[in-house]
Amino acid sequence: MSDHDRERETTIIQTTERRGGGGTIIAVVLLIVVLGLLFFFFGGNLMKSGPEKTDINVDISAPTGGDSAK
């Protein structure tokens, strides 16, 4: 039997249509926007070097001997 006399098997593979990467691009852009907003609202103080004004008023008074020290 030669190759010309045999039946050939044909395999058809159907794939769905290939979609573009538009959904992925939108997801990445939205992720960057959300991360930027989170940094703006919660991490804005990370770039500052320190408080501009420190108002510390500590009053430490040592107790006097008086009559209660007996």
PDB file of N, CA and C in Angstrom:
ATOM      1  N   MET A   1       0.844  -1.168   0.000  1.00  0.00           N
ATOM      2  CA  MET A   1       0.000   0.000   0.000  1.00  0.00           C
ATOM      3  C   MET A   1       0.900   1.246   0.000  1.00  0.00           C
ATOM      4  N   SER A   2       0.689   2.072  -0.917  1.00  0.00           N
ATOM      5  CA  SER A   2       1.506   3.269  -1.012  1.00  0.00           C
ATOM      6  C   SER A   2       0.820   4.419  -0.288  1.00  0.00           C
ATOM      7  N   ASP A   3       1.543   5.490  -0.144  1.00  0.00           N
ATOM      8  CA  ASP A   3       1.005   6.650   0.573  1.00  0.00           C
ATOM      9  C   ASP A   3      -0.175   7.267  -0.164  1.00  0.00           C
ATOM     10  N   HIS A   4      -0.250   7.112  -1.460  1.00  0.00           N
ATOM     11  CA  HIS A   4      -1.329   7.719  -2.225  1.00  0.00           C
ATOM     12  C   HIS A   4      -2.651   7.002  -2.010  1.00  0.00           C
ATOM     13  N   ASP A   5      -2.601   5.732  -1.633  1.00  0.00           N
ATOM     14  CA  ASP A   5      -3.819   4.954  -1.478  1.00  0.00           C
ATOM     15  C   ASP A   5      -4.433   5.081  -0.079  1.00  0.00           C
ATOM     16  N   ARG A   6      -3.673   5.549   0.895  1.00  0.00           N
ATOM     17  CA  ARG A   6      -4.197   5.641   2.271  1.00  0.00           C
ATOM     18  C   ARG A   6      -5.047   6.887   2.431  1.00  0.00           C
ATOM     19  N   GLU A   7      -6.000   6.769   3.337  1.00  0.00           N
ATOM     20  CA  GLU A   7      -6.782   7.965   3.692  1.00  0.00           C
ATOM     21  C   GLU A   7      -5.962   8.798   4.666  1.00  0.00           C
ATOM     22  N   ARG A   8      -6.098  10.060   4.544  1.00  0.00           N
ATOM     23  CA  ARG A   8      -5.350  10.944   5.441  1.00  0.00           C
ATOM     24  C   ARG A   8      -6.277  11.445   6.527  1.00  0.00           C
ATOM     25  N   GLU A   9      -5.708  11.536   7.718  1.00  0.00           N
ATOM     26  CA  GLU A   9      -6.454  12.107   8.827  1.00  0.00           C
ATOM     27  C   GLU A   9      -6.264  13.603   8.799  1.00  0.00           C
ATOM     28  N   THR A  10      -7.338  14.312   8.964  1.00  0.00           N
ATOM     29  CA  THR A  10      -7.253  15.767   8.993  1.00  0.00           C
ATOM     30  C   THR A  10      -7.727  16.238  10.363  1.00  0.00           C
ATOM     31  N   THR A  11      -6.921  16.990  11.026  1.00  0.00           N
ATOM     32  CA  THR A  11      -7.267  17.536  12.337  1.00  0.00           C
ATOM     33  C   THR A  11      -7.453  19.037  12.182  1.00  0.00           C
ATOM     34  N   ILE A  12      -8.611  19.489  12.590  1.00  0.00           N
ATOM     35  CA  ILE A  12      -8.906  20.919  12.514  1.00  0.00           C
ATOM     36  C   ILE A  12      -8.977  21.453  13.941  1.00  0.00           C
ATOM     37  N   ILE A  13      -8.169  22.413  14.211  1.00  0.00           N
ATOM     38  CA  ILE A  13      -8.168  23.042  15.534  1.00  0.00           C
ATOM     39  C   ILE A  13      -8.731  24.438  15.361  1.00  0.00           C
ATOM     40  N   GLN A  14      -9.852  24.664  16.045  1.00  0.00           N
ATOM     41  CA  GLN A  14     -10.467  25.986  15.970  1.00  0.00           C
ATOM     42  C   GLN A  14     -10.130  26.751  17.246  1.00  0.00           C
ATOM     43  N   THR A  15      -9.661  27.917  17.067  1.00  0.00           N
ATOM     44  CA  THR A  15      -9.383  28.772  18.215  1.00  0.00           C
ATOM     45  C   THR A  15     -10.301  29.969  18.150  1.00  0.00           C
ATOM     46  N   THR A  16     -10.518  30.554  19.298  1.00  0.00           N
ATOM     47  CA  THR A  16     -11.340  31.757  19.325  1.00  0.00           C
ATOM     48  C   THR A  16     -10.553  32.918  18.740  1.00  0.00           C
ATOM     49  N   GLU A  17     -11.237  33.959  18.463  1.00  0.00           N
ATOM     50  CA  GLU A  17     -10.571  35.125  17.901  1.00  0.00           C
ATOM     51  C   GLU A  17      -9.620  35.711  18.927  1.00  0.00           C
ATOM     52  N   ARG A  18      -8.512  36.183  18.454  1.00  0.00           N
ATOM     53  CA  ARG A  18      -7.555  36.822  19.355  1.00  0.00           C
ATOM     54  C   ARG A  18      -8.016  38.249  19.605  1.00  0.00           C
ATOM     55  N   ARG A  19      -8.056  38.573  20.848  1.00  0.00           N
ATOM     56  CA  ARG A  19      -8.464  39.934  21.212  1.00  0.00           C
ATOM     57  C   ARG A  19      -7.227  40.786  21.397  1.00  0.00           C
ATOM     58  N   GLY A  20      -7.408  42.070  21.278  1.00  0.00           N
ATOM     59  CA  GLY A  20      -6.294  42.983  21.479  1.00  0.00           C
ATOM     60  C   GLY A  20      -5.970  43.114  22.954  1.00  0.00           C
ATOM     61  N   GLY A  21      -4.967  43.869  23.261  1.00  0.00           N
ATOM     62  CA  GLY A  21      -4.539  44.046  24.643  1.00  0.00           C
ATOM     63  C   GLY A  21      -5.147  45.267  25.299  1.00  0.00           C
ATOM     64  N   GLY A  22      -6.278  45.731  24.782  1.00  0.00           N
ATOM     65  CA  GLY A  22      -6.895  46.940  25.340  1.00  0.00           C
ATOM     66  C   GLY A  22      -7.326  46.781  26.779  1.00  0.00           C
ATOM     67  N   GLY A  23      -7.868  45.633  27.127  1.00  0.00           N
ATOM     68  CA  GLY A  23      -8.289  45.395  28.511  1.00  0.00           C
ATOM     69  C   GLY A  23      -7.121  45.389  29.470  1.00  0.00           C
ATOM     70  N   THR A  24      -6.016  44.828  29.043  1.00  0.00           N
ATOM     71  CA  THR A  24      -4.826  44.797  29.888  1.00  0.00           C
ATOM     72  C   THR A  24      -4.262  46.194  30.081  1.00  0.00           C
ATOM     73  N   ILE A  25      -4.263  46.975  29.024  1.00  0.00           N
ATOM     74  CA  ILE A  25      -3.751  48.348  29.126  1.00  0.00           C
ATOM     75  C   ILE A  25      -4.610  49.168  30.077  1.00  0.00           C
ATOM     76  N   ILE A  26      -5.933  49.027  29.973  1.00  0.00           N
ATOM     77  CA  ILE A  26      -6.836  49.752  30.863  1.00  0.00           C
ATOM     78  C   ILE A  26      -6.620  49.321  32.308  1.00  0.00           C
ATOM     79  N   ALA A  27      -6.430  48.017  32.553  1.00  0.00           N
ATOM     80  CA  ALA A  27      -6.205  47.527  33.908  1.00  0.00           C
ATOM     81  C   ALA A  27      -4.916  48.090  34.496  1.00  0.00           C
ATOM     82  N   VAL A  28      -3.864  48.164  33.706  1.00  0.00           N
ATOM     83  CA  VAL A  28      -2.588  48.702  34.191  1.00  0.00           C
ATOM     84  C   VAL A  28      -2.714  50.186  34.499  1.00  0.00           C
ATOM     85  N   VAL A  29      -3.382  50.933  33.638  1.00  0.00           N
ATOM     86  CA  VAL A  29      -3.563  52.371  33.870  1.00  0.00           C
ATOM     87  C   VAL A  29      -4.392  52.600  35.126  1.00  0.00           C
ATOM     88  N   LEU A  30      -5.462  51.837  35.308  1.00  0.00           N
ATOM     89  CA  LEU A  30      -6.281  51.986  36.516  1.00  0.00           C
ATOM     90  C   LEU A  30      -5.492  51.631  37.766  1.00  0.00           C
ATOM     91  N   LEU A  31      -4.665  50.615  37.703  1.00  0.00           N
ATOM     92  CA  LEU A  31      -3.841  50.241  38.845  1.00  0.00           C
ATOM     93  C   LEU A  31      -2.877  51.361  39.213  1.00  0.00           C
ATOM     94  N   ILE A  32      -2.268  51.979  38.214  1.00  0.00           N
ATOM     95  CA  ILE A  32      -1.344  53.088  38.484  1.00  0.00           C
ATOM     96  C   ILE A  32      -2.082  54.263  39.094  1.00  0.00           C
ATOM     97  N   VAL A  33      -3.287  54.565  38.611  1.00  0.00           N
ATOM     98  CA  VAL A  33      -4.069  55.676  39.152  1.00  0.00           C
ATOM     99  C   VAL A  33      -4.455  55.400  40.605  1.00  0.00           C
ATOM    100  N   VAL A  34      -4.906  54.183  40.887  1.00  0.00           N
ATOM    101  CA  VAL A  34      -5.302  53.850  42.262  1.00  0.00           C
ATOM    102  C   VAL A  34      -4.099  53.912  43.196  1.00  0.00           C
ATOM    103  N   LEU A  35      -2.958  53.385  42.778  1.00  0.00           N
ATOM    104  CA  LEU A  35      -1.762  53.463  43.616  1.00  0.00           C
ATOM    105  C   LEU A  35      -1.324  54.912  43.836  1.00  0.00           C
ATOM    106  N   GLY A  36      -1.446  55.737  42.813  1.00  0.00           N
ATOM    107  CA  GLY A  36      -1.110  57.153  42.967  1.00  0.00           C
ATOM    108  C   GLY A  36      -2.029  57.860  43.953  1.00  0.00           C
ATOM    109  N   LEU A  37      -3.327  57.563  43.877  1.00  0.00           N
ATOM    110  CA  LEU A  37      -4.267  58.170  44.822  1.00  0.00           C
ATOM    111  C   LEU A  37      -4.010  57.698  46.247  1.00  0.00           C
ATOM    112  N   LEU A  38      -3.722  56.416  46.418  1.00  0.00           N
ATOM    113  CA  LEU A  38      -3.414  55.915  47.761  1.00  0.00           C
ATOM    114  C   LEU A  38      -2.171  56.586  48.317  1.00  0.00           C
ATOM    115  N   PHE A  39      -1.150  56.771  47.494  1.00  0.00           N
ATOM    116  CA  PHE A  39       0.056  57.453  47.958  1.00  0.00           C
ATOM    117  C   PHE A  39      -0.236  58.907  48.289  1.00  0.00           C
ATOM    118  N   PHE A  40      -1.050  59.558  47.486  1.00  0.00           N
ATOM    119  CA  PHE A  40      -1.373  60.967  47.712  1.00  0.00           C
ATOM    120  C   PHE A  40      -2.124  61.150  49.030  1.00  0.00           C
ATOM    121  N   PHE A  41      -3.092  60.258  49.302  1.00  0.00           N
ATOM    122  CA  PHE A  41      -3.898  60.414  50.511  1.00  0.00           C
ATOM    123  C   PHE A  41      -3.203  59.911  51.770  1.00  0.00           C
ATOM    124  N   PHE A  42      -2.453  58.814  51.676  1.00  0.00           N
ATOM    125  CA  PHE A  42      -1.905  58.204  52.877  1.00  0.00           C
ATOM    126  C   PHE A  42      -0.396  58.339  53.015  1.00  0.00           C
ATOM    127  N   GLY A  43       0.325  58.571  51.953  1.00  0.00           N
ATOM    128  CA  GLY A  43       1.775  58.601  52.038  1.00  0.00           C
ATOM    129  C   GLY A  43       2.373  59.935  51.688  1.00  0.00           C
ATOM    130  N   GLY A  44       1.604  60.987  51.723  1.00  0.00           N
ATOM    131  CA  GLY A  44       2.102  62.299  51.344  1.00  0.00           C
ATOM    132  C   GLY A  44       3.188  62.820  52.261  1.00  0.00           C
ATOM    133  N   ASN A  45       3.197  62.363  53.500  1.00  0.00           N
ATOM    134  CA  ASN A  45       4.191  62.848  54.455  1.00  0.00           C
ATOM    135  C   ASN A  45       5.528  62.142  54.311  1.00  0.00           C
ATOM    136  N   LEU A  46       5.627  61.157  53.456  1.00  0.00           N
ATOM    137  CA  LEU A  46       6.878  60.436  53.301  1.00  0.00           C
ATOM    138  C   LEU A  46       7.951  61.297  52.646  1.00  0.00           C
ATOM    139  N   MET A  47       7.565  62.274  51.866  1.00  0.00           N
ATOM    140  CA  MET A  47       8.531  63.095  51.156  1.00  0.00           C
ATOM    141  C   MET A  47       8.985  64.308  51.967  1.00  0.00           C
ATOM    142  N   LYS A  48       8.325  64.585  53.060  1.00  0.00           N
ATOM    143  CA  LYS A  48       8.704  65.744  53.878  1.00  0.00           C
ATOM    144  C   LYS A  48       9.886  65.382  54.764  1.00  0.00           C
ATOM    145  N   SER A  49      10.716  66.378  55.065  1.00  0.00           N
ATOM    146  CA  SER A  49      11.899  66.124  55.879  1.00  0.00           C
ATOM    147  C   SER A  49      11.576  66.108  57.368  1.00  0.00           C
ATOM    148  N   GLY A  50      10.543  66.768  57.777  1.00  0.00           N
ATOM    149  CA  GLY A  50      10.180  66.792  59.191  1.00  0.00           C
ATOM    150  C   GLY A  50       9.138  67.868  59.429  1.00  0.00           C
ATOM    151  N   PRO A  51       8.674  67.953  60.653  1.00  0.00           N
ATOM    152  CA  PRO A  51       7.670  68.984  60.943  1.00  0.00           C
ATOM    153  C   PRO A  51       8.279  70.380  60.827  1.00  0.00           C
ATOM    154  N   GLU A  52       7.490  71.302  60.321  1.00  0.00           N
ATOM    155  CA  GLU A  52       7.992  72.665  60.138  1.00  0.00           C
ATOM    156  C   GLU A  52       8.072  73.413  61.471  1.00  0.00           C
ATOM    157  N   LYS A  53       7.151  73.144  62.377  1.00  0.00           N
ATOM    158  CA  LYS A  53       7.153  73.839  63.659  1.00  0.00           C
ATOM    159  C   LYS A  53       6.979  72.813  64.762  1.00  0.00           C
ATOM    160  N   THR A  54       7.880  72.856  65.707  1.00  0.00           N
ATOM    161  CA  THR A  54       7.736  71.993  66.872  1.00  0.00           C
ATOM    162  C   THR A  54       7.445  72.881  68.069  1.00  0.00           C
ATOM    163  N   ASP A  55       6.329  72.647  68.703  1.00  0.00           N
ATOM    164  CA  ASP A  55       5.921  73.435  69.864  1.00  0.00           C
ATOM    165  C   ASP A  55       5.860  72.492  71.058  1.00  0.00           C
ATOM    166  N   ILE A  56       7.007  72.363  71.726  1.00  0.00           N
ATOM    167  CA  ILE A  56       7.086  71.466  72.870  1.00  0.00           C
ATOM    168  C   ILE A  56       7.232  72.320  74.125  1.00  0.00           C
ATOM    169  N   ASN A  57       6.302  72.121  75.038  1.00  0.00           N
ATOM    170  CA  ASN A  57       6.326  72.866  76.287  1.00  0.00           C
ATOM    171  C   ASN A  57       6.226  71.845  77.421  1.00  0.00           C
ATOM    172  N   VAL A  58       7.353  71.571  78.062  1.00  0.00           N
ATOM    173  CA  VAL A  58       7.394  70.602  79.148  1.00  0.00           C
ATOM    174  C   VAL A  58       7.721  71.355  80.418  1.00  0.00           C
ATOM    175  N   ASP A  59       6.854  71.194  81.419  1.00  0.00           N
ATOM    176  CA  ASP A  59       7.053  71.857  82.720  1.00  0.00           C
ATOM    177  C   ASP A  59       7.227  70.768  83.768  1.00  0.00           C
ATOM    178  N   ILE A  60       8.475  70.623  84.222  1.00  0.00           N
ATOM    179  CA  ILE A  60       8.771  69.620  85.242  1.00  0.00           C
ATOM    180  C   ILE A  60       9.121  70.368  86.509  1.00  0.00           C
ATOM    181  N   SER A  61       8.278  70.168  87.493  1.00  0.00           N
ATOM    182  CA  SER A  61       8.525  70.828  88.790  1.00  0.00           C
ATOM    183  C   SER A  61       8.838  69.740  89.820  1.00  0.00           C
ATOM    184  N   ALA A  62       9.933  69.945  90.534  1.00  0.00           N
ATOM    185  CA  ALA A  62      10.305  69.009  91.585  1.00  0.00           C
ATOM    186  C   ALA A  62       9.497  69.351  92.832  1.00  0.00           C
ATOM    187  N   PRO A  63       8.999  68.349  93.508  1.00  0.00           N
ATOM    188  CA  PRO A  63       8.227  68.646  94.715  1.00  0.00           C
ATOM    189  C   PRO A  63       9.120  69.248  95.812  1.00  0.00           C
ATOM    190  N   THR A  64       8.577  70.150  96.583  1.00  0.00           N
ATOM    191  CA  THR A  64       9.326  70.776  97.682  1.00  0.00           C
ATOM    192  C   THR A  64       9.202  69.902  98.937  1.00  0.00           C
ATOM    193  N   GLY A  65      10.109  70.048  99.845  1.00  0.00           N
ATOM    194  CA  GLY A  65      10.142  69.231 101.076  1.00  0.00           C
ATOM    195  C   GLY A  65       8.889  69.434 101.924  1.00  0.00           C
ATOM    196  N   GLY A  66       8.576  70.638 102.284  1.00  0.00           N
ATOM    197  CA  GLY A  66       7.386  70.982 103.058  1.00  0.00           C
ATOM    198  C   GLY A  66       7.133  70.097 104.271  1.00  0.00           C
ATOM    199  N   ASP A  67       5.918  70.158 104.812  1.00  0.00           N
ATOM    200  CA  ASP A  67       5.549  69.402 106.013  1.00  0.00           C
ATOM    201  C   ASP A  67       5.210  67.945 105.702  1.00  0.00           C
ATOM    202  N   SER A  68       4.894  67.609 104.496  1.00  0.00           N
ATOM    203  CA  SER A  68       4.471  66.252 104.183  1.00  0.00           C
ATOM    204  C   SER A  68       5.632  65.295 104.041  1.00  0.00           C
ATOM    205  N   ALA A  69       6.872  65.771 104.137  1.00  0.00           N
ATOM    206  CA  ALA A  69       8.048  64.927 103.948  1.00  0.00           C
ATOM    207  C   ALA A  69       8.503  64.272 105.250  1.00  0.00           C
ATOM    208  N   LYS A  70       7.792  64.410 106.370  1.00  0.00           N
ATOM    209  CA  LYS A  70       8.220  63.882 107.670  1.00  0.00           C
ATOM    210  C   LYS A  70       8.123  62.395 107.730  1.00  0.00           C
TER     211      LYS A  70
END
